[in-house]
Amino acid sequence: MRLQDICEEIMEDVDGALGCALVDLGTGLPLAMKVTSDTLVDSGAMEILSAAGAEYFRGEVNHQLESAMGGKAAGPSGDTGFVEEIQTTTEDSYHFMSIVPGNEQTVLMLITDRTANLGLGWVAMRRTLRRVQEGTRRPAKRPGSATAPGPASPAAESPDSAAPVNGNANRWKGRRGIRGR
């Protein structure tokens, strides 16, 4: 599986996705990246966010947290430390970050706008992380299968299904009292 494909697939799966990167923890540089937000592209913000995300995982605060929680101190080999996943919220965006299982020197990062569903963002992250770990591609859609989601709730959807995790995200818009009042 190509790294660029990983970024493209998760961007397709999540409503409100603005950018995705696989980041090398050693350098803080993106190994692969897909960005749809002009703001993130024009300002070079995705590269800055990649470096900041790497620092979260390998930085001094991570090591202090590990020590305070009774974990072993990271060794001189540059172990990533204690934290495995991070979610950050800004005024305009959500940032999902997770160490890639089996490749602890790589972080998967997803940036979304605030319309994204947090739970579905994490489902997409974990599904993608599992595919990266297994070295597989997203299951192909069956010929003739409907692309529109059914009435089932997102929680009822199997994490291994080929349907996008964002199928019901817009279903609630326009209903009084919920999103988009």
Foldseek 3Di string as FASTA:
>chain_A
DDQQQLFVVLQVQWPQWAKKFKAFLVVLAGPYMDGDDPVCVVVVVVSVVSNVLSCVQQHPVQQVVCVVVPHDGDDPVRQRHDDAWDWDDDPFWIKTWGQQPPHNRIIIIIIGTPLIDPVLSVLSVVLSSVCVVVVHDQDDDDPPDDLADDPDDLVPDDSNDNHRSCRCSCVCAPPPPDPPD
